[in-house]
Amino acid sequence: MGFLVGVKEAGEILGWDRRKVSTYHLRGVLPKPVINLSSGPIWLRKQIEYYKTSKELGVTTYYIDEEKVYECKYNYPMKETNYSPEEIKECTGNYIVYQEKDIQQVINAILEKKPIAQFLSFESISYLHDLGILESDVFRDFIHKYSYENIGPTREGRD
């Protein structure tokens, strides 16, 4: 099993046929691919696996930037809500809250290549990217510098 997946492999992970994967990709529902080739989109396997897990859990994600609260969904622009930061923090339910100041620290760690960045989980960084909280350039920097170090080798071919 490789660490890169195309439409066929993404379908196997998600339990979907290729047409559904292609349709959801074109609608912008799936995580942003690492690259789009003429043969189709290519994702890191962990992106698709994390998408599946997050989708099954049904978690709502909010992003607080000063006094504004945004609702975040996969590959959609952040949508401003009518909630105040205090109201979100008092809510009960299945949700995640990210603060702008915390995200800025993550961005600085990645861009400045601080040693702590190597300990950030790929799943968390990918999730923030797919929600639109983390810019694509920062995500690419993280992938190029750190993620390949954490991907184990696979054994393929004849035994």
N, C-alpha and C. Protein backbone atom coordinates (compact mmCIF):
# COMPACT_ATOMS: atom_id res chain seq x y z
N MET A 1 0.83 -1.18 0.00
CA MET A 1 0.00 0.00 0.00
C MET A 1 0.88 1.24 0.00
N GLY A 2 0.74 2.11 -0.99
CA GLY A 2 1.56 3.30 -1.08
C GLY A 2 1.00 4.44 -0.25
N PHE A 3 1.80 5.48 -0.08
CA PHE A 3 1.34 6.63 0.68
C PHE A 3 0.62 7.65 -0.20
N LEU A 4 0.67 7.48 -1.53
CA LEU A 4 -0.09 8.30 -2.45
C LEU A 4 -1.27 7.50 -2.99
N VAL A 5 -2.42 8.17 -3.15
CA VAL A 5 -3.60 7.49 -3.68
C VAL A 5 -4.25 8.34 -4.76
N GLY A 6 -4.84 7.64 -5.72
CA GLY A 6 -5.62 8.28 -6.76
C GLY A 6 -7.09 8.04 -6.50
N VAL A 7 -7.91 8.24 -7.51
CA VAL A 7 -9.36 8.10 -7.39
C VAL A 7 -9.74 6.67 -6.99
N LYS A 8 -9.14 5.68 -7.63
CA LYS A 8 -9.47 4.28 -7.35
C LYS A 8 -9.19 3.92 -5.89
N GLU A 9 -7.99 4.24 -5.43
CA GLU A 9 -7.60 3.91 -4.06
C GLU A 9 -8.40 4.70 -3.03
N ALA A 10 -8.69 5.97 -3.33
CA ALA A 10 -9.52 6.78 -2.43
C ALA A 10 -10.90 6.14 -2.30
N GLY A 11 -11.43 5.65 -3.42
CA GLY A 11 -12.72 4.96 -3.39
C GLY A 11 -12.70 3.72 -2.52
N GLU A 12 -11.61 2.96 -2.59
CA GLU A 12 -11.49 1.76 -1.76
C GLU A 12 -11.47 2.13 -0.28
N ILE A 13 -10.75 3.18 0.07
CA ILE A 13 -10.67 3.62 1.47
C ILE A 13 -12.04 4.08 1.96
N LEU A 14 -12.73 4.86 1.13
CA LEU A 14 -14.01 5.44 1.53
C LEU A 14 -15.20 4.50 1.34
N GLY A 15 -14.99 3.41 0.59
CA GLY A 15 -16.10 2.50 0.30
C GLY A 15 -17.02 3.04 -0.78
N TRP A 16 -16.46 3.85 -1.67
CA TRP A 16 -17.21 4.48 -2.76
C TRP A 16 -16.70 3.95 -4.09
N ASP A 17 -17.54 4.11 -5.14
CA ASP A 17 -17.03 3.78 -6.47
C ASP A 17 -16.29 5.00 -7.02
N ARG A 18 -15.57 4.79 -8.12
CA ARG A 18 -14.73 5.85 -8.69
C ARG A 18 -15.53 7.08 -9.10
N ARG A 19 -16.76 6.86 -9.61
CA ARG A 19 -17.57 8.00 -10.05
C ARG A 19 -17.91 8.91 -8.88
N LYS A 20 -18.24 8.31 -7.73
CA LYS A 20 -18.59 9.12 -6.56
C LYS A 20 -17.37 9.91 -6.08
N VAL A 21 -16.21 9.28 -6.07
CA VAL A 21 -14.98 9.99 -5.67
C VAL A 21 -14.74 11.17 -6.62
N SER A 22 -14.85 10.93 -7.92
CA SER A 22 -14.63 12.00 -8.90
C SER A 22 -15.64 13.13 -8.73
N THR A 23 -16.89 12.77 -8.52
CA THR A 23 -17.94 13.77 -8.35
C THR A 23 -17.69 14.61 -7.10
N TYR A 24 -17.38 13.95 -5.98
CA TYR A 24 -17.14 14.67 -4.74
C TYR A 24 -15.88 15.55 -4.85
N HIS A 25 -14.88 15.06 -5.57
CA HIS A 25 -13.68 15.87 -5.79
C HIS A 25 -14.03 17.12 -6.59
N LEU A 26 -14.77 16.96 -7.67
CA LEU A 26 -15.14 18.10 -8.51
C LEU A 26 -16.00 19.11 -7.75
N ARG A 27 -16.80 18.64 -6.82
CA ARG A 27 -17.63 19.53 -6.00
C ARG A 27 -16.83 20.20 -4.88
N GLY A 28 -15.60 19.78 -4.69
CA GLY A 28 -14.76 20.36 -3.65
C GLY A 28 -15.04 19.83 -2.26
N VAL A 29 -15.61 18.63 -2.17
CA VAL A 29 -15.95 18.05 -0.88
C VAL A 29 -14.77 17.31 -0.26
N LEU A 30 -13.97 16.67 -1.08
CA LEU A 30 -12.82 15.91 -0.58
C LEU A 30 -11.66 16.84 -0.25
N PRO A 31 -10.69 16.36 0.51
CA PRO A 31 -9.51 17.19 0.78
C PRO A 31 -8.83 17.64 -0.52
N LYS A 32 -8.15 18.76 -0.44
CA LYS A 32 -7.44 19.26 -1.61
C LYS A 32 -6.32 18.29 -1.96
N PRO A 33 -6.25 17.85 -3.22
CA PRO A 33 -5.18 16.93 -3.60
C PRO A 33 -3.81 17.60 -3.52
N VAL A 34 -2.80 16.77 -3.34
CA VAL A 34 -1.42 17.27 -3.33
C VAL A 34 -1.09 17.81 -4.71
N ILE A 35 -1.60 17.12 -5.75
CA ILE A 35 -1.38 17.54 -7.13
C ILE A 35 -2.49 16.97 -8.00
N ASN A 36 -2.80 17.67 -9.08
CA ASN A 36 -3.73 17.18 -10.09
C ASN A 36 -2.93 16.83 -11.34
N LEU A 37 -2.97 15.56 -11.71
CA LEU A 37 -2.30 15.11 -12.93
C LEU A 37 -3.34 14.91 -14.02
N SER A 38 -2.91 14.68 -15.25
CA SER A 38 -3.87 14.43 -16.32
C SER A 38 -4.68 13.16 -16.04
N SER A 39 -4.12 12.23 -15.25
CA SER A 39 -4.83 11.01 -14.90
C SER A 39 -5.81 11.22 -13.74
N GLY A 40 -5.74 12.38 -13.09
CA GLY A 40 -6.66 12.68 -12.00
C GLY A 40 -5.94 13.20 -10.77
N PRO A 41 -6.71 13.46 -9.70
CA PRO A 41 -6.11 14.00 -8.48
C PRO A 41 -5.30 12.95 -7.73
N ILE A 42 -4.27 13.40 -7.03
CA ILE A 42 -3.43 12.54 -6.20
C ILE A 42 -3.43 13.12 -4.78
N TRP A 43 -3.78 12.27 -3.81
CA TRP A 43 -3.79 12.66 -2.41
C TRP A 43 -2.75 11.83 -1.65
N LEU A 44 -2.39 12.31 -0.49
CA LEU A 44 -1.65 11.47 0.44
C LEU A 44 -2.69 10.55 1.09
N ARG A 45 -2.37 9.30 1.27
CA ARG A 45 -3.30 8.33 1.85
C ARG A 45 -3.86 8.84 3.17
N LYS A 46 -2.99 9.47 3.98
CA LYS A 46 -3.44 9.96 5.28
C LYS A 46 -4.53 11.02 5.15
N GLN A 47 -4.51 11.82 4.08
CA GLN A 47 -5.55 12.83 3.88
C GLN A 47 -6.92 12.16 3.75
N ILE A 48 -6.99 11.12 2.93
CA ILE A 48 -8.26 10.44 2.69
C ILE A 48 -8.70 9.68 3.94
N GLU A 49 -7.77 9.03 4.60
CA GLU A 49 -8.12 8.30 5.83
C GLU A 49 -8.62 9.25 6.91
N TYR A 50 -7.98 10.40 7.03
CA TYR A 50 -8.40 11.37 8.04
C TYR A 50 -9.75 11.98 7.67
N TYR A 51 -9.97 12.22 6.38
CA TYR A 51 -11.26 12.73 5.93
C TYR A 51 -12.37 11.76 6.32
N LYS A 52 -12.14 10.48 6.07
CA LYS A 52 -13.15 9.46 6.39
C LYS A 52 -13.46 9.45 7.89
N THR A 53 -12.42 9.47 8.71
CA THR A 53 -12.62 9.46 10.16
C THR A 53 -13.37 10.70 10.62
N SER A 54 -12.97 11.87 10.14
CA SER A 54 -13.62 13.12 10.54
C SER A 54 -15.08 13.16 10.11
N LYS A 55 -15.35 12.66 8.91
CA LYS A 55 -16.72 12.66 8.39
C LYS A 55 -17.61 11.76 9.25
N GLU A 56 -17.08 10.62 9.64
CA GLU A 56 -17.85 9.69 10.45
C GLU A 56 -18.15 10.25 11.84
N LEU A 57 -17.26 11.08 12.38
CA LEU A 57 -17.46 11.65 13.71
C LEU A 57 -18.43 12.82 13.72
N GLY A 58 -18.62 13.48 12.57
CA GLY A 58 -19.56 14.60 12.47
C GLY A 58 -19.21 15.78 13.36
N VAL A 59 -17.96 16.18 13.36
CA VAL A 59 -17.49 17.28 14.21
C VAL A 59 -17.63 18.61 13.46
N THR A 60 -18.17 19.63 14.14
CA THR A 60 -18.23 20.97 13.58
C THR A 60 -16.98 21.72 14.04
N THR A 61 -16.39 22.49 13.15
CA THR A 61 -15.16 23.21 13.47
C THR A 61 -15.41 24.70 13.38
N TYR A 62 -14.94 25.42 14.41
CA TYR A 62 -15.04 26.87 14.45
C TYR A 62 -13.65 27.48 14.54
N TYR A 63 -13.51 28.67 13.96
CA TYR A 63 -12.25 29.40 13.98
C TYR A 63 -12.55 30.78 14.53
N ILE A 64 -11.85 31.17 15.59
CA ILE A 64 -12.08 32.46 16.23
C ILE A 64 -10.93 33.39 15.88
N ASP A 65 -11.28 34.49 15.22
CA ASP A 65 -10.31 35.53 14.85
C ASP A 65 -10.77 36.82 15.52
N GLU A 66 -10.13 37.15 16.63
CA GLU A 66 -10.51 38.28 17.48
C GLU A 66 -11.96 38.10 17.95
N GLU A 67 -12.89 38.91 17.49
CA GLU A 67 -14.28 38.80 17.94
C GLU A 67 -15.19 38.11 16.92
N LYS A 68 -14.61 37.66 15.81
CA LYS A 68 -15.40 36.98 14.78
C LYS A 68 -15.26 35.48 14.94
N VAL A 69 -16.35 34.76 14.71
CA VAL A 69 -16.36 33.31 14.77
C VAL A 69 -16.77 32.80 13.40
N TYR A 70 -15.95 31.91 12.83
CA TYR A 70 -16.22 31.34 11.52
C TYR A 70 -16.50 29.85 11.66
N GLU A 71 -17.43 29.36 10.86
CA GLU A 71 -17.66 27.92 10.77
C GLU A 71 -16.86 27.42 9.58
N CYS A 72 -16.15 26.31 9.77
CA CYS A 72 -15.27 25.79 8.73
C CYS A 72 -15.74 24.41 8.28
N LYS A 73 -15.77 24.20 6.99
CA LYS A 73 -16.10 22.91 6.40
C LYS A 73 -15.06 22.57 5.35
N TYR A 74 -14.92 21.28 5.08
CA TYR A 74 -13.95 20.83 4.10
C TYR A 74 -14.07 21.57 2.79
N ASN A 75 -12.96 22.15 2.37
CA ASN A 75 -12.81 22.78 1.05
C ASN A 75 -13.87 23.83 0.72
N TYR A 76 -14.44 24.43 1.74
CA TYR A 76 -15.37 25.54 1.54
C TYR A 76 -14.77 26.76 2.21
N PRO A 77 -15.09 27.95 1.71
CA PRO A 77 -14.59 29.15 2.39
C PRO A 77 -15.17 29.20 3.81
N MET A 78 -14.40 29.77 4.72
CA MET A 78 -14.91 29.94 6.08
C MET A 78 -16.14 30.84 6.02
N LYS A 79 -17.14 30.48 6.81
CA LYS A 79 -18.39 31.24 6.82
C LYS A 79 -18.55 31.91 8.18
N GLU A 80 -18.68 33.23 8.17
CA GLU A 80 -18.84 33.96 9.43
C GLU A 80 -20.18 33.60 10.06
N THR A 81 -20.17 33.41 11.37
CA THR A 81 -21.40 33.08 12.10
C THR A 81 -21.85 34.29 12.92
N ASN A 82 -22.99 34.15 13.57
CA ASN A 82 -23.48 35.20 14.46
C ASN A 82 -23.06 34.96 15.91
N TYR A 83 -22.30 33.90 16.15
CA TYR A 83 -21.86 33.59 17.50
C TYR A 83 -20.75 34.52 17.94
N SER A 84 -20.70 34.76 19.24
CA SER A 84 -19.54 35.46 19.81
C SER A 84 -18.58 34.38 20.31
N PRO A 85 -17.31 34.72 20.51
CA PRO A 85 -16.38 33.72 21.04
C PRO A 85 -16.85 33.12 22.37
N GLU A 86 -17.46 33.93 23.21
CA GLU A 86 -17.95 33.44 24.49
C GLU A 86 -19.08 32.42 24.31
N GLU A 87 -19.98 32.69 23.35
CA GLU A 87 -21.09 31.75 23.11
C GLU A 87 -20.58 30.39 22.64
N ILE A 88 -19.59 30.39 21.77
CA ILE A 88 -19.03 29.13 21.27
C ILE A 88 -18.40 28.35 22.42
N LYS A 89 -17.65 29.02 23.25
CA LYS A 89 -16.98 28.34 24.36
C LYS A 89 -17.96 27.76 25.37
N GLU A 90 -19.16 28.33 25.45
CA GLU A 90 -20.16 27.85 26.40
C GLU A 90 -21.04 26.74 25.82
N CYS A 91 -20.99 26.54 24.52
CA CYS A 91 -21.83 25.53 23.87
C CYS A 91 -21.41 24.12 24.29
N THR A 92 -22.38 23.23 24.25
CA THR A 92 -22.06 21.81 24.44
C THR A 92 -22.30 21.13 23.11
N GLY A 93 -21.61 20.05 22.87
CA GLY A 93 -21.79 19.34 21.61
C GLY A 93 -20.46 18.89 21.06
N ASN A 94 -20.52 18.37 19.86
CA ASN A 94 -19.36 17.78 19.20
C ASN A 94 -18.73 18.82 18.27
N TYR A 95 -17.77 19.59 18.79
CA TYR A 95 -17.14 20.63 17.97
C TYR A 95 -15.69 20.84 18.39
N ILE A 96 -14.95 21.50 17.51
CA ILE A 96 -13.55 21.87 17.75
C ILE A 96 -13.45 23.37 17.55
N VAL A 97 -12.69 24.04 18.39
CA VAL A 97 -12.47 25.49 18.25
C VAL A 97 -10.98 25.74 18.08
N TYR A 98 -10.64 26.52 17.04
CA TYR A 98 -9.27 26.96 16.83
C TYR A 98 -9.22 28.47 17.00
N GLN A 99 -8.16 28.96 17.61
CA GLN A 99 -7.98 30.39 17.82
C GLN A 99 -6.93 30.90 16.84
N GLU A 100 -7.15 32.10 16.32
CA GLU A 100 -6.23 32.69 15.35
C GLU A 100 -4.81 32.76 15.90
N LYS A 101 -4.64 33.14 17.16
CA LYS A 101 -3.29 33.29 17.73
C LYS A 101 -2.56 31.94 17.76
N ASP A 102 -3.28 30.84 18.02
CA ASP A 102 -2.66 29.52 18.03
C ASP A 102 -2.25 29.08 16.63
N ILE A 103 -3.12 29.34 15.66
CA ILE A 103 -2.83 28.98 14.27
C ILE A 103 -1.63 29.78 13.77
N GLN A 104 -1.54 31.04 14.17
CA GLN A 104 -0.41 31.87 13.75
C GLN A 104 0.90 31.32 14.28
N GLN A 105 0.89 30.78 15.49
CA GLN A 105 2.09 30.17 16.05
C GLN A 105 2.50 28.93 15.24
N VAL A 106 1.51 28.13 14.81
CA VAL A 106 1.79 26.95 13.99
C VAL A 106 2.38 27.39 12.65
N ILE A 107 1.79 28.39 12.03
CA ILE A 107 2.27 28.90 10.74
C ILE A 107 3.72 29.39 10.88
N ASN A 108 3.99 30.15 11.92
CA ASN A 108 5.35 30.67 12.13
C ASN A 108 6.35 29.53 12.34
N ALA A 109 5.95 28.51 13.09
CA ALA A 109 6.85 27.36 13.33
C ALA A 109 7.20 26.66 12.02
N ILE A 110 6.22 26.51 11.15
CA ILE A 110 6.45 25.83 9.86
C ILE A 110 7.32 26.69 8.95
N LEU A 111 6.93 27.94 8.78
CA LEU A 111 7.64 28.81 7.85
C LEU A 111 9.05 29.14 8.31
N GLU A 112 9.25 29.26 9.60
CA GLU A 112 10.58 29.57 10.13
C GLU A 112 11.40 28.32 10.39
N LYS A 113 10.82 27.16 10.04
CA LYS A 113 11.50 25.87 10.18
C LYS A 113 12.03 25.64 11.59
N LYS A 114 11.19 25.98 12.56
CA LYS A 114 11.55 25.76 13.95
C LYS A 114 11.51 24.26 14.25
N PRO A 115 12.39 23.77 15.09
CA PRO A 115 12.44 22.32 15.38
C PRO A 115 11.12 21.74 15.88
N ILE A 116 10.31 22.53 16.56
CA ILE A 116 9.04 22.01 17.09
C ILE A 116 8.09 21.58 15.97
N ALA A 117 8.23 22.15 14.78
CA ALA A 117 7.34 21.83 13.66
C ALA A 117 7.38 20.36 13.27
N GLN A 118 8.50 19.70 13.51
CA GLN A 118 8.60 18.29 13.15
C GLN A 118 7.69 17.41 14.01
N PHE A 119 7.23 17.94 15.13
CA PHE A 119 6.37 17.16 16.02
C PHE A 119 4.89 17.41 15.78
N LEU A 120 4.55 18.32 14.87
CA LEU A 120 3.15 18.56 14.55
C LEU A 120 2.63 17.36 13.77
N SER A 121 1.43 16.93 14.05
CA SER A 121 0.91 15.75 13.35
C SER A 121 0.44 16.11 11.95
N PHE A 122 0.72 15.23 11.02
CA PHE A 122 0.27 15.44 9.64
C PHE A 122 -1.24 15.58 9.60
N GLU A 123 -1.95 14.75 10.38
CA GLU A 123 -3.41 14.77 10.37
C GLU A 123 -3.95 16.14 10.76
N SER A 124 -3.37 16.75 11.79
CA SER A 124 -3.84 18.06 12.23
C SER A 124 -3.57 19.14 11.19
N ILE A 125 -2.37 19.12 10.63
CA ILE A 125 -2.00 20.13 9.63
C ILE A 125 -2.85 19.97 8.38
N SER A 126 -3.06 18.74 7.94
CA SER A 126 -3.90 18.46 6.77
C SER A 126 -5.33 18.92 7.01
N TYR A 127 -5.83 18.65 8.20
CA TYR A 127 -7.19 19.04 8.57
C TYR A 127 -7.34 20.56 8.51
N LEU A 128 -6.39 21.28 9.09
CA LEU A 128 -6.45 22.74 9.07
C LEU A 128 -6.39 23.28 7.63
N HIS A 129 -5.61 22.64 6.80
CA HIS A 129 -5.51 23.03 5.39
C HIS A 129 -6.83 22.79 4.67
N ASP A 130 -7.41 21.62 4.88
CA ASP A 130 -8.66 21.29 4.19
C ASP A 130 -9.83 22.15 4.63
N LEU A 131 -9.74 22.70 5.84
CA LEU A 131 -10.78 23.60 6.33
C LEU A 131 -10.56 25.05 5.87
N GLY A 132 -9.43 25.31 5.25
CA GLY A 132 -9.15 26.66 4.77
C GLY A 132 -8.51 27.56 5.82
N ILE A 133 -8.18 27.00 6.98
CA ILE A 133 -7.56 27.78 8.05
C ILE A 133 -6.07 27.97 7.78
N LEU A 134 -5.46 26.98 7.18
CA LEU A 134 -4.02 27.02 6.88
C LEU A 134 -3.83 27.15 5.37
N GLU A 135 -3.05 28.12 4.95
CA GLU A 135 -2.86 28.38 3.53
C GLU A 135 -2.12 27.23 2.85
N SER A 136 -2.37 27.06 1.55
CA SER A 136 -1.76 25.98 0.78
C SER A 136 -0.23 26.05 0.77
N ASP A 137 0.34 27.26 0.69
CA ASP A 137 1.80 27.40 0.68
C ASP A 137 2.42 26.87 1.98
N VAL A 138 1.77 27.16 3.10
CA VAL A 138 2.28 26.70 4.39
C VAL A 138 2.17 25.18 4.47
N PHE A 139 1.05 24.63 3.99
CA PHE A 139 0.85 23.18 3.98
C PHE A 139 1.92 22.50 3.13
N ARG A 140 2.19 23.05 1.96
CA ARG A 140 3.23 22.48 1.08
C ARG A 140 4.60 22.51 1.75
N ASP A 141 4.90 23.63 2.40
CA ASP A 141 6.18 23.72 3.13
C ASP A 141 6.28 22.63 4.18
N PHE A 142 5.20 22.41 4.91
CA PHE A 142 5.19 21.38 5.94
C PHE A 142 5.40 20.00 5.33
N ILE A 143 4.69 19.70 4.24
CA ILE A 143 4.81 18.39 3.59
C ILE A 143 6.25 18.18 3.12
N HIS A 144 6.81 19.16 2.43
CA HIS A 144 8.16 19.01 1.89
C HIS A 144 9.22 18.86 2.97
N LYS A 145 9.03 19.54 4.07
CA LYS A 145 10.06 19.52 5.11
C LYS A 145 9.90 18.36 6.08
N TYR A 146 8.65 18.02 6.45
CA TYR A 146 8.47 17.11 7.57
C TYR A 146 7.70 15.83 7.30
N SER A 147 6.69 15.86 6.46
CA SER A 147 5.79 14.69 6.41
C SER A 147 6.44 13.44 5.84
N TYR A 148 7.33 13.55 4.88
CA TYR A 148 7.93 12.36 4.30
C TYR A 148 8.83 11.64 5.29
N GLU A 149 9.32 12.37 6.29
CA GLU A 149 10.14 11.74 7.32
C GLU A 149 9.32 10.77 8.16
N ASN A 150 8.00 11.03 8.26
CA ASN A 150 7.14 10.23 9.13
C ASN A 150 6.38 9.14 8.38
N ILE A 151 6.57 9.02 7.09
CA ILE A 151 5.87 8.01 6.31
C ILE A 151 6.76 6.80 6.20
N GLY A 152 6.26 5.67 6.69
CA GLY A 152 7.06 4.45 6.68
C GLY A 152 7.20 3.87 5.30
N PRO A 153 8.27 3.12 5.08
CA PRO A 153 8.47 2.49 3.78
C PRO A 153 7.45 1.37 3.57
N THR A 154 7.11 1.13 2.33
CA THR A 154 6.20 0.05 2.00
C THR A 154 6.96 -0.98 1.18
N ARG A 155 6.52 -2.19 1.27
CA ARG A 155 7.15 -3.26 0.50
C ARG A 155 6.18 -3.70 -0.57
N GLU A 156 6.56 -3.48 -1.80
CA GLU A 156 5.69 -3.84 -2.90
C GLU A 156 6.47 -4.67 -3.90
N GLY A 157 5.75 -5.30 -4.77
CA GLY A 157 6.41 -6.11 -5.80
C GLY A 157 6.39 -7.58 -5.45
N ARG A 158 7.20 -8.33 -6.09
CA ARG A 158 7.25 -9.77 -5.87
C ARG A 158 8.01 -10.11 -4.61
N ASP A 159 7.56 -11.16 -3.97
CA ASP A 159 8.26 -11.67 -2.79
C ASP A 159 9.27 -12.71 -3.21
